[in-house]
PDB file of N, CA and C in Angstrom:
ATOM      1  N   MET A   1      16.445  -1.773  -0.252  1.00  0.00           N
ATOM      2  CA  MET A   1      16.024  -0.434  -0.557  1.00  0.00           C
ATOM      3  C   MET A   1      17.150   0.506  -0.142  1.00  0.00           C
ATOM      4  N   GLN A   2      17.410   1.500  -0.979  1.00  0.00           N
ATOM      5  CA  GLN A   2      18.543   2.361  -0.734  1.00  0.00           C
ATOM      6  C   GLN A   2      18.160   3.806  -1.016  1.00  0.00           C
ATOM      7  N   VAL A   3      18.624   4.704  -0.121  1.00  0.00           N
ATOM      8  CA  VAL A   3      18.382   6.131  -0.283  1.00  0.00           C
ATOM      9  C   VAL A   3      19.708   6.854  -0.103  1.00  0.00           C
ATOM     10  N   VAL A   4      19.981   7.788  -0.982  1.00  0.00           N
ATOM     11  CA  VAL A   4      21.228   8.544  -0.922  1.00  0.00           C
ATOM     12  C   VAL A   4      20.995   9.804  -0.088  1.00  0.00           C
ATOM     13  N   VAL A   5      21.888  10.054   0.869  1.00  0.00           N
ATOM     14  CA  VAL A   5      21.830  11.266   1.685  1.00  0.00           C
ATOM     15  C   VAL A   5      22.711  12.314   1.021  1.00  0.00           C
ATOM     16  N   ARG A   6      22.100  13.423   0.637  1.00  0.00           N
ATOM     17  CA  ARG A   6      22.833  14.484  -0.051  1.00  0.00           C
ATOM     18  C   ARG A   6      23.006  15.682   0.873  1.00  0.00           C
ATOM     19  N   ASP A   7      24.175  16.243   0.916  1.00  0.00           N
ATOM     20  CA  ASP A   7      24.490  17.439   1.716  1.00  0.00           C
ATOM     21  C   ASP A   7      24.123  17.269   3.185  1.00  0.00           C
ATOM     22  N   ASN A   8      24.327  16.078   3.734  1.00  0.00           N
ATOM     23  CA  ASN A   8      24.008  15.774   5.133  1.00  0.00           C
ATOM     24  C   ASN A   8      22.555  16.075   5.491  1.00  0.00           C
ATOM     25  N   ASN A   9      21.662  15.993   4.524  1.00  0.00           N
ATOM     26  CA  ASN A   9      20.245  16.267   4.749  1.00  0.00           C
ATOM     27  C   ASN A   9      19.528  14.948   5.061  1.00  0.00           C
ATOM     28  N   VAL A  10      19.631  14.541   6.328  1.00  0.00           N
ATOM     29  CA  VAL A  10      19.061  13.260   6.749  1.00  0.00           C
ATOM     30  C   VAL A  10      17.538  13.313   6.743  1.00  0.00           C
ATOM     31  N   ASP A  11      16.971  14.460   7.103  1.00  0.00           N
ATOM     32  CA  ASP A  11      15.510  14.586   7.128  1.00  0.00           C
ATOM     33  C   ASP A  11      14.904  14.331   5.751  1.00  0.00           C
ATOM     34  N   GLN A  12      15.512  14.903   4.732  1.00  0.00           N
ATOM     35  CA  GLN A  12      15.019  14.700   3.361  1.00  0.00           C
ATOM     36  C   GLN A  12      15.165  13.233   2.955  1.00  0.00           C
ATOM     37  N   ALA A  13      16.287  12.605   3.343  1.00  0.00           N
ATOM     38  CA  ALA A  13      16.507  11.198   3.012  1.00  0.00           C
ATOM     39  C   ALA A  13      15.475  10.312   3.705  1.00  0.00           C
ATOM     40  N   LEU A  14      15.141  10.628   4.953  1.00  0.00           N
ATOM     41  CA  LEU A  14      14.112   9.863   5.667  1.00  0.00           C
ATOM     42  C   LEU A  14      12.755  10.007   4.986  1.00  0.00           C
ATOM     43  N   LYS A  15      12.463  11.212   4.538  1.00  0.00           N
ATOM     44  CA  LYS A  15      11.197  11.463   3.845  1.00  0.00           C
ATOM     45  C   LYS A  15      11.108  10.612   2.574  1.00  0.00           C
ATOM     46  N   VAL A  16      12.198  10.574   1.826  1.00  0.00           N
ATOM     47  CA  VAL A  16      12.240   9.782   0.589  1.00  0.00           C
ATOM     48  C   VAL A  16      12.101   8.293   0.912  1.00  0.00           C
ATOM     49  N   LEU A  17      12.801   7.846   1.966  1.00  0.00           N
ATOM     50  CA  LEU A  17      12.727   6.439   2.362  1.00  0.00           C
ATOM     51  C   LEU A  17      11.311   6.045   2.752  1.00  0.00           C
ATOM     52  N   LYS A  18      10.658   6.886   3.541  1.00  0.00           N
ATOM     53  CA  LYS A  18       9.285   6.594   3.961  1.00  0.00           C
ATOM     54  C   LYS A  18       8.344   6.515   2.760  1.00  0.00           C
ATOM     55  N   LYS A  19       8.546   7.411   1.799  1.00  0.00           N
ATOM     56  CA  LYS A  19       7.702   7.409   0.608  1.00  0.00           C
ATOM     57  C   LYS A  19       7.899   6.116  -0.189  1.00  0.00           C
ATOM     58  N   LYS A  20       9.172   5.679  -0.311  1.00  0.00           N
ATOM     59  CA  LYS A  20       9.459   4.433  -1.025  1.00  0.00           C
ATOM     60  C   LYS A  20       8.831   3.241  -0.306  1.00  0.00           C
ATOM     61  N   MET A  21       8.958   3.216   1.021  1.00  0.00           N
ATOM     62  CA  MET A  21       8.389   2.120   1.807  1.00  0.00           C
ATOM     63  C   MET A  21       6.868   2.105   1.685  1.00  0.00           C
ATOM     64  N   GLN A  22       6.254   3.274   1.659  1.00  0.00           N
ATOM     65  CA  GLN A  22       4.805   3.363   1.512  1.00  0.00           C
ATOM     66  C   GLN A  22       4.377   2.794   0.170  1.00  0.00           C
ATOM     67  N   ARG A  23       5.104   3.161  -0.897  1.00  0.00           N
ATOM     68  CA  ARG A  23       4.781   2.667  -2.237  1.00  0.00           C
ATOM     69  C   ARG A  23       4.921   1.153  -2.327  1.00  0.00           C
ATOM     70  N   GLU A  24       5.923   0.605  -1.665  1.00  0.00           N
ATOM     71  CA  GLU A  24       6.167  -0.839  -1.707  1.00  0.00           C
ATOM     72  C   GLU A  24       5.192  -1.614  -0.828  1.00  0.00           C
ATOM     73  N   GLY A  25       4.490  -0.924   0.070  1.00  0.00           N
ATOM     74  CA  GLY A  25       3.539  -1.595   0.947  1.00  0.00           C
ATOM     75  C   GLY A  25       4.177  -2.215   2.177  1.00  0.00           C
ATOM     76  N   ILE A  26       5.347  -1.748   2.554  1.00  0.00           N
ATOM     77  CA  ILE A  26       6.056  -2.322   3.695  1.00  0.00           C
ATOM     78  C   ILE A  26       5.348  -1.993   5.003  1.00  0.00           C
ATOM     79  N   PHE A  27       4.855  -0.754   5.145  1.00  0.00           N
ATOM     80  CA  PHE A  27       4.166  -0.371   6.370  1.00  0.00           C
ATOM     81  C   PHE A  27       2.911  -1.217   6.570  1.00  0.00           C
ATOM     82  N   ARG A  28       2.202  -1.446   5.491  1.00  0.00           N
ATOM     83  CA  ARG A  28       0.978  -2.249   5.544  1.00  0.00           C
ATOM     84  C   ARG A  28       1.303  -3.684   5.947  1.00  0.00           C
ATOM     85  N   GLU A  29       2.371  -4.205   5.368  1.00  0.00           N
ATOM     86  CA  GLU A  29       2.815  -5.564   5.686  1.00  0.00           C
ATOM     87  C   GLU A  29       3.205  -5.678   7.157  1.00  0.00           C
ATOM     88  N   MET A  30       3.919  -4.680   7.670  1.00  0.00           N
ATOM     89  CA  MET A  30       4.309  -4.704   9.082  1.00  0.00           C
ATOM     90  C   MET A  30       3.082  -4.682   9.984  1.00  0.00           C
ATOM     91  N   LYS A  31       2.097  -3.895   9.623  1.00  0.00           N
ATOM     92  CA  LYS A  31       0.871  -3.804  10.416  1.00  0.00           C
ATOM     93  C   LYS A  31       0.152  -5.152  10.431  1.00  0.00           C
ATOM     94  N   LEU A  32       0.103  -5.817   9.285  1.00  0.00           N
ATOM     95  CA  LEU A  32      -0.574  -7.113   9.209  1.00  0.00           C
ATOM     96  C   LEU A  32       0.165  -8.182  10.001  1.00  0.00           C
ATOM     97  N   ARG A  33       1.478  -8.108  10.041  1.00  0.00           N
ATOM     98  CA  ARG A  33       2.274  -9.125  10.725  1.00  0.00           C
ATOM     99  C   ARG A  33       2.422  -8.876  12.221  1.00  0.00           C
ATOM    100  N   ARG A  34       1.900  -7.765  12.704  1.00  0.00           N
ATOM    101  CA  ARG A  34       2.022  -7.424  14.111  1.00  0.00           C
ATOM    102  C   ARG A  34       1.361  -8.467  15.008  1.00  0.00           C
ATOM    103  N   SER A  35       0.257  -9.020  14.540  1.00  0.00           N
ATOM    104  CA  SER A  35      -0.431 -10.042  15.325  1.00  0.00           C
ATOM    105  C   SER A  35      -0.883 -11.162  14.387  1.00  0.00           C
ATOM    106  N   TYR A  36      -1.193 -12.312  14.981  1.00  0.00           N
ATOM    107  CA  TYR A  36      -1.596 -13.467  14.196  1.00  0.00           C
ATOM    108  C   TYR A  36      -2.957 -13.231  13.564  1.00  0.00           C
ATOM    109  N   GLU A  37      -3.090 -13.670  12.329  1.00  0.00           N
ATOM    110  CA  GLU A  37      -4.361 -13.563  11.616  1.00  0.00           C
ATOM    111  C   GLU A  37      -4.800 -14.966  11.222  1.00  0.00           C
ATOM    112  N   LYS A  38      -5.983 -15.337  11.672  1.00  0.00           N
ATOM    113  CA  LYS A  38      -6.482 -16.669  11.344  1.00  0.00           C
ATOM    114  C   LYS A  38      -6.638 -16.803   9.829  1.00  0.00           C
ATOM    115  N   PRO A  39      -6.446 -18.017   9.312  1.00  0.00           N
ATOM    116  CA  PRO A  39      -6.583 -18.208   7.856  1.00  0.00           C
ATOM    117  C   PRO A  39      -7.951 -17.768   7.325  1.00  0.00           C
ATOM    118  N   SER A  40      -9.009 -18.007   8.090  1.00  0.00           N
ATOM    119  CA  SER A  40     -10.341 -17.597   7.629  1.00  0.00           C
ATOM    120  C   SER A  40     -10.445 -16.073   7.574  1.00  0.00           C
ATOM    121  N   GLU A  41      -9.843 -15.385   8.556  1.00  0.00           N
ATOM    122  CA  GLU A  41      -9.844 -13.922   8.549  1.00  0.00           C
ATOM    123  C   GLU A  41      -9.032 -13.394   7.377  1.00  0.00           C
ATOM    124  N   ARG A  42      -7.925 -14.065   7.080  1.00  0.00           N
ATOM    125  CA  ARG A  42      -7.070 -13.660   5.965  1.00  0.00           C
ATOM    126  C   ARG A  42      -7.824 -13.777   4.639  1.00  0.00           C
ATOM    127  N   ARG A  43      -8.523 -14.899   4.465  1.00  0.00           N
ATOM    128  CA  ARG A  43      -9.301 -15.081   3.231  1.00  0.00           C
ATOM    129  C   ARG A  43     -10.380 -14.011   3.101  1.00  0.00           C
ATOM    130  N   ALA A  44     -11.070 -13.720   4.209  1.00  0.00           N
ATOM    131  CA  ALA A  44     -12.128 -12.709   4.180  1.00  0.00           C
ATOM    132  C   ALA A  44     -11.544 -11.334   3.847  1.00  0.00           C
ATOM    133  N   ARG A  45     -10.404 -10.993   4.433  1.00  0.00           N
ATOM    134  CA  ARG A  45      -9.770  -9.703   4.170  1.00  0.00           C
ATOM    135  C   ARG A  45      -9.340  -9.600   2.711  1.00  0.00           C
ATOM    136  N   GLU A  46      -8.710 -10.658   2.204  1.00  0.00           N
ATOM    137  CA  GLU A  46      -8.255 -10.643   0.814  1.00  0.00           C
ATOM    138  C   GLU A  46      -9.421 -10.550  -0.153  1.00  0.00           C
ATOM    139  N   LYS A  47     -10.529 -11.229   0.170  1.00  0.00           N
ATOM    140  CA  LYS A  47     -11.717 -11.171  -0.683  1.00  0.00           C
ATOM    141  C   LYS A  47     -12.298  -9.756  -0.695  1.00  0.00           C
ATOM    142  N   ALA A  48     -12.342  -9.136   0.481  1.00  0.00           N
ATOM    143  CA  ALA A  48     -12.859  -7.770   0.577  1.00  0.00           C
ATOM    144  C   ALA A  48     -11.956  -6.801  -0.189  1.00  0.00           C
ATOM    145  N   GLU A  49     -10.646  -6.985  -0.094  1.00  0.00           N
ATOM    146  CA  GLU A  49      -9.719  -6.131  -0.832  1.00  0.00           C
ATOM    147  C   GLU A  49      -9.908  -6.297  -2.334  1.00  0.00           C
ATOM    148  N   ALA A  50     -10.101  -7.523  -2.777  1.00  0.00           N
ATOM    149  CA  ALA A  50     -10.299  -7.772  -4.202  1.00  0.00           C
ATOM    150  C   ALA A  50     -11.582  -7.108  -4.693  1.00  0.00           C
ATOM    151  N   LEU A  51     -12.647  -7.191  -3.883  1.00  0.00           N
ATOM    152  CA  LEU A  51     -13.906  -6.541  -4.254  1.00  0.00           C
ATOM    153  C   LEU A  51     -13.734  -5.030  -4.345  1.00  0.00           C
ATOM    154  N   ARG A  52     -13.007  -4.473  -3.373  1.00  0.00           N
ATOM    155  CA  ARG A  52     -12.758  -3.034  -3.372  1.00  0.00           C
ATOM    156  C   ARG A  52     -12.003  -2.617  -4.629  1.00  0.00           C
ATOM    157  N   ARG A  53     -10.974  -3.392  -4.975  1.00  0.00           N
ATOM    158  CA  ARG A  53     -10.195  -3.079  -6.186  1.00  0.00           C
ATOM    159  C   ARG A  53     -11.068  -3.171  -7.432  1.00  0.00           C
ATOM    160  N   ALA A  54     -11.897  -4.212  -7.519  1.00  0.00           N
ATOM    161  CA  ALA A  54     -12.744  -4.405  -8.691  1.00  0.00           C
ATOM    162  C   ALA A  54     -13.746  -3.256  -8.835  1.00  0.00           C
ATOM    163  N   ARG A  55     -14.349  -2.852  -7.719  1.00  0.00           N
ATOM    164  CA  ARG A  55     -15.313  -1.750  -7.768  1.00  0.00           C
ATOM    165  C   ARG A  55     -14.635  -0.447  -8.191  1.00  0.00           C
ATOM    166  N   LYS A  56     -13.435  -0.234  -7.673  1.00  0.00           N
ATOM    167  CA  LYS A  56     -12.699   0.982  -8.009  1.00  0.00           C
ATOM    168  C   LYS A  56     -12.368   1.009  -9.507  1.00  0.00           C
ATOM    169  N   LEU A  57     -11.898  -0.131 -10.037  1.00  0.00           N
ATOM    170  CA  LEU A  57     -11.591  -0.214 -11.471  1.00  0.00           C
ATOM    171  C   LEU A  57     -12.839   0.016 -12.312  1.00  0.00           C
ATOM    172  N   GLU A  58     -13.971  -0.547 -11.880  1.00  0.00           N
ATOM    173  CA  GLU A  58     -15.229  -0.379 -12.609  1.00  0.00           C
ATOM    174  C   GLU A  58     -15.665   1.092 -12.596  1.00  0.00           C
ATOM    175  N   ARG A  59     -15.537   1.745 -11.433  1.00  0.00           N
ATOM    176  CA  ARG A  59     -15.872   3.171 -11.340  1.00  0.00           C
ATOM    177  C   ARG A  59     -15.010   3.988 -12.292  1.00  0.00           C
ATOM    178  N   LYS A  60     -13.709   3.705 -12.312  1.00  0.00           N
ATOM    179  CA  LYS A  60     -12.805   4.446 -13.192  1.00  0.00           C
ATOM    180  C   LYS A  60     -13.137   4.192 -14.653  1.00  0.00           C
ATOM    181  N   ARG A  61     -13.484   2.945 -14.988  1.00  0.00           N
ATOM    182  CA  ARG A  61     -13.814   2.609 -16.377  1.00  0.00           C
ATOM    183  C   ARG A  61     -15.075   3.371 -16.813  1.00  0.00           C
ATOM    184  N   LEU A  62     -16.086   3.370 -15.938  1.00  0.00           N
ATOM    185  CA  LEU A  62     -17.328   4.074 -16.270  1.00  0.00           C
ATOM    186  C   LEU A  62     -17.097   5.580 -16.384  1.00  0.00           C
ATOM    187  N   GLU A  63     -16.251   6.110 -15.523  1.00  0.00           N
ATOM    188  CA  GLU A  63     -15.941   7.542 -15.570  1.00  0.00           C
ATOM    189  C   GLU A  63     -15.241   7.901 -16.870  1.00  0.00           C
ATOM    190  N   ARG A  64     -14.330   7.031 -17.300  1.00  0.00           N
ATOM    191  CA  ARG A  64     -13.599   7.256 -18.548  1.00  0.00           C
ATOM    192  C   ARG A  64     -14.543   7.219 -19.745  1.00  0.00           C
ATOM    193  N   GLU A  65     -15.537   6.334 -19.696  1.00  0.00           N
ATOM    194  CA  GLU A  65     -16.454   6.209 -20.815  1.00  0.00           C
ATOM    195  C   GLU A  65     -17.533   7.290 -20.799  1.00  0.00           C
ATOM    196  N   GLY A  66     -17.646   8.025 -19.701  1.00  0.00           N
ATOM    197  CA  GLY A  66     -18.575   9.147 -19.646  1.00  0.00           C
ATOM    198  C   GLY A  66     -19.968   8.808 -19.172  1.00  0.00           C
ATOM    199  N   PHE A  67     -20.093   7.821 -18.299  1.00  0.00           N
ATOM    200  CA  PHE A  67     -21.424   7.469 -17.775  1.00  0.00           C
ATOM    201  C   PHE A  67     -21.745   8.188 -16.512  1.00  0.00           C
TER     202      PHE A  67
END
């Protein structure tokens, strides 16, 4: 990942870098890797995330169709 610093504006470059890292999911990945996660906990978390995504997509689909 690369960010260009323009006019010695490091604060702006850091802001852009953080936004890129957030979009890529790096912060989330670091948080998950901070401590060990049992395989059963990992499966449960992934299943819950998938359900959340599916419900969100269904809500958006219904909203688009006007229900």
